[in-house]
């Protein structure tokens, strides 16, 4: 069900609003970081993640298109990092890109980091959780307005939390 093994390259930290303006070229730096960084050994991660989650979140794997729990999911709420619980995306930014993975046009500012990824003979931008550095997926400059970006995210890297109705 899973394939690929991407090893990240040089790290570039940005807020999603910076990416929106940069169209992924010459991404600017941002010093904004969460106050509660999660650091665990690989053995500790193996204890709290399923083998599939560990493969994607820690070893930069991916799941096959159209197989993840959230690729076609609809509902009001938020998507949190499956490793540390940080809220990453709102359902109001999720859309159907027809790529087979959950797609979002924006992340909550300061919640994701970007790495240049030159693996597999391609130049891409990897997206990780800014709190635990878990691999989420990649970002591409072919999304809808208002940002023009597409966060292509592995379902196994996130957990959906429904909006609570009062």
Protein backbone atom coordinates (compact mmCIF):
# COMPACT_ATOMS: atom_id res chain seq x y z
CA UNK A 1 0.00 0.00 0.00
CA UNK A 2 2.87 2.41 0.68
CA UNK A 3 5.84 3.23 -1.49
CA UNK A 4 8.64 5.73 -1.85
CA UNK A 5 11.30 6.89 0.58
CA UNK A 6 12.18 10.56 0.32
CA UNK A 7 15.12 12.01 2.19
CA UNK A 8 14.74 15.76 2.73
CA UNK A 9 17.39 18.23 1.67
CA UNK A 10 18.14 21.74 2.89
CA UNK A 11 15.45 23.16 5.17
CA UNK A 12 13.58 26.37 4.48
CA UNK A 13 11.21 27.66 7.19
CA UNK A 14 8.26 29.76 6.07
CA UNK A 15 4.74 30.68 6.98
CA UNK A 16 2.06 29.73 4.47
CA UNK A 17 1.35 33.39 3.73
CA UNK A 18 4.94 33.75 2.50
CA UNK A 19 4.55 30.76 0.19
CA UNK A 20 1.40 32.32 -1.22
CA UNK A 21 3.39 35.34 -2.38
CA UNK A 22 6.45 33.42 -3.54
CA UNK A 23 4.77 30.82 -5.79
CA UNK A 24 7.38 28.42 -4.40
CA UNK A 25 10.35 30.19 -6.01
CA UNK A 26 12.89 31.89 -3.77
CA UNK A 27 10.91 31.12 -0.62
CA UNK A 28 11.62 33.63 2.13
CA UNK A 29 12.66 32.66 5.64
CA UNK A 30 10.50 33.11 8.73
CA UNK A 31 11.62 32.77 12.34
CA UNK A 32 8.14 31.76 13.56
CA UNK A 33 8.34 28.38 15.29
CA UNK A 34 6.03 26.66 17.75
CA UNK A 35 6.99 27.03 21.41
CA UNK A 36 6.43 23.35 22.15
CA UNK A 37 8.66 21.48 19.70
CA UNK A 38 8.24 17.69 19.99
CA UNK A 39 11.49 15.76 19.95
CA UNK A 40 11.58 11.97 20.27
CA UNK A 41 14.07 9.28 19.40
CA UNK A 42 13.21 7.02 16.49
CA UNK A 43 12.49 4.26 19.02
CA UNK A 44 10.04 6.54 20.86
CA UNK A 45 8.31 7.37 17.56
CA UNK A 46 8.01 3.65 16.78
CA UNK A 47 6.25 3.16 20.12
CA UNK A 48 3.55 5.78 19.47
CA UNK A 49 2.99 5.46 15.71
CA UNK A 50 1.67 2.53 13.69
CA UNK A 51 4.22 1.01 11.30
CA UNK A 52 2.44 2.74 8.38
CA UNK A 53 2.43 6.11 10.15
CA UNK A 54 6.09 5.71 11.05
CA UNK A 55 6.97 4.94 7.44
CA UNK A 56 5.27 8.07 6.12
CA UNK A 57 5.80 10.54 8.96
CA UNK A 58 9.37 9.61 9.94
CA UNK A 59 10.82 7.93 6.83
CA UNK A 60 9.18 10.27 4.31
CA UNK A 61 7.16 7.57 2.60
CA UNK A 62 3.82 8.02 0.88
CA UNK A 63 0.56 6.18 0.46
CA UNK A 64 -0.88 5.19 -2.92
CA UNK A 65 -3.27 7.69 -4.50
CA UNK A 66 -6.98 7.20 -3.80
CA UNK A 67 -6.33 4.81 -0.87
CA UNK A 68 -6.07 7.12 2.15
CA UNK A 69 -8.89 7.80 4.58
CA UNK A 70 -9.24 11.51 3.77
CA UNK A 71 -8.64 11.88 0.02
CA UNK A 72 -12.38 12.22 -0.61
CA UNK A 73 -13.42 13.21 2.91
CA UNK A 74 -15.92 15.99 3.47
CA UNK A 75 -16.80 17.52 6.80
CA UNK A 76 -16.31 20.63 8.89
CA UNK A 77 -13.38 20.60 11.28
CA UNK A 78 -9.60 20.59 11.35
CA UNK A 79 -6.81 18.28 10.25
CA UNK A 80 -4.14 17.69 12.89
CA UNK A 81 -0.71 16.13 12.66
CA UNK A 82 -1.15 12.41 13.39
CA UNK A 83 2.17 12.36 15.26
CA UNK A 84 1.89 15.35 17.62
CA UNK A 85 -1.66 16.71 17.34
CA UNK A 86 -0.78 20.18 16.04
CA UNK A 87 -3.66 21.67 14.02
CA UNK A 88 -2.39 22.12 10.44
CA UNK A 89 -5.33 22.71 8.09
CA UNK A 90 -8.93 23.85 8.31
CA UNK A 91 -11.57 21.99 6.33
CA UNK A 92 -12.49 25.33 4.74
CA UNK A 93 -9.21 25.15 2.74
CA UNK A 94 -9.68 21.52 1.58
CA UNK A 95 -10.70 20.95 -2.02
CA UNK A 96 -10.86 18.15 -4.59
CA UNK A 97 -7.78 18.37 -6.81
CA UNK A 98 -8.43 14.94 -8.35
CA UNK A 99 -4.88 13.85 -7.40
CA UNK A 100 -5.92 11.08 -4.98
CA UNK A 101 -4.58 12.69 -1.79
CA UNK A 102 -6.18 15.25 0.50
CA UNK A 103 -5.50 18.69 -0.96
CA UNK A 104 -5.57 22.07 0.77
CA UNK A 105 -4.91 25.51 -0.66
CA UNK A 106 -3.47 26.90 2.59
CA UNK A 107 -2.06 25.82 5.95
CA UNK A 108 -2.56 27.52 9.28
CA UNK A 109 0.32 30.05 9.45
CA UNK A 110 3.42 28.80 11.26
CA UNK A 111 2.31 25.15 11.42
CA UNK A 112 4.31 23.72 8.53
CA UNK A 113 7.91 23.81 7.32
CA UNK A 114 9.18 23.41 3.79
CA UNK A 115 12.20 21.49 2.56
CA UNK A 116 13.69 21.37 -0.90
CA UNK A 117 13.27 17.78 -2.13
CA UNK A 118 15.45 16.66 -5.05
CA UNK A 119 14.77 12.94 -4.75
CA UNK A 120 13.45 10.71 -7.55
CA UNK A 121 14.92 12.99 -10.23
CA UNK A 122 12.44 15.77 -9.44
CA UNK A 123 12.56 19.15 -7.74
CA UNK A 124 9.69 19.41 -5.26
CA UNK A 125 8.93 21.11 -1.97
CA UNK A 126 8.32 18.78 0.96
CA UNK A 127 5.91 19.85 3.71
CA UNK A 128 6.50 18.83 7.33
CA UNK A 129 4.85 19.62 10.65
CA UNK A 130 6.66 22.54 12.29
CA UNK A 131 6.16 21.03 15.74
CA UNK A 132 7.46 17.45 15.28
CA UNK A 133 9.00 17.56 11.77
CA UNK A 134 6.72 14.74 10.60
CA UNK A 135 6.51 14.33 6.81
CA UNK A 136 3.08 15.41 5.56
CA UNK A 137 3.46 15.51 1.77
CA UNK A 138 4.42 18.13 -0.82
CA UNK A 139 3.24 21.54 -2.00
CA UNK A 140 2.78 22.51 -5.65
CA UNK A 141 2.06 25.84 -7.41
CA UNK A 142 -1.05 24.57 -9.23
CA UNK A 143 -3.79 25.12 -6.66
CA UNK A 144 -6.92 27.26 -6.74
CA UNK A 145 -7.37 30.86 -5.70
CA UNK A 146 -6.78 32.60 -3.44
CA UNK A 147 -3.29 31.09 -2.90
CA UNK A 148 -2.55 29.18 -6.11
CA UNK A 149 -0.93 26.45 -4.03
CA UNK A 150 -1.84 22.79 -3.54
CA UNK A 151 -0.78 21.05 -0.36
CA UNK A 152 -0.84 17.37 -1.38
CA UNK A 153 -0.98 15.58 1.99
CA UNK A 154 -0.85 11.91 2.98
CA UNK A 155 -4.05 10.90 4.82
CA UNK A 156 -2.03 8.81 7.25
CA UNK A 157 -0.07 11.91 8.30
CA UNK A 158 -3.16 13.71 9.58
CA UNK A 159 -6.18 13.13 11.77
CA UNK A 160 -9.53 14.81 11.15
CA UNK A 161 -11.22 16.39 14.17
CA UNK A 162 -14.85 17.33 13.51
CA UNK A 163 -16.09 20.77 14.40
CA UNK A 164 -17.99 20.76 17.67
CA UNK A 165 -21.52 22.05 17.39
CA UNK A 166 -22.78 24.00 20.36
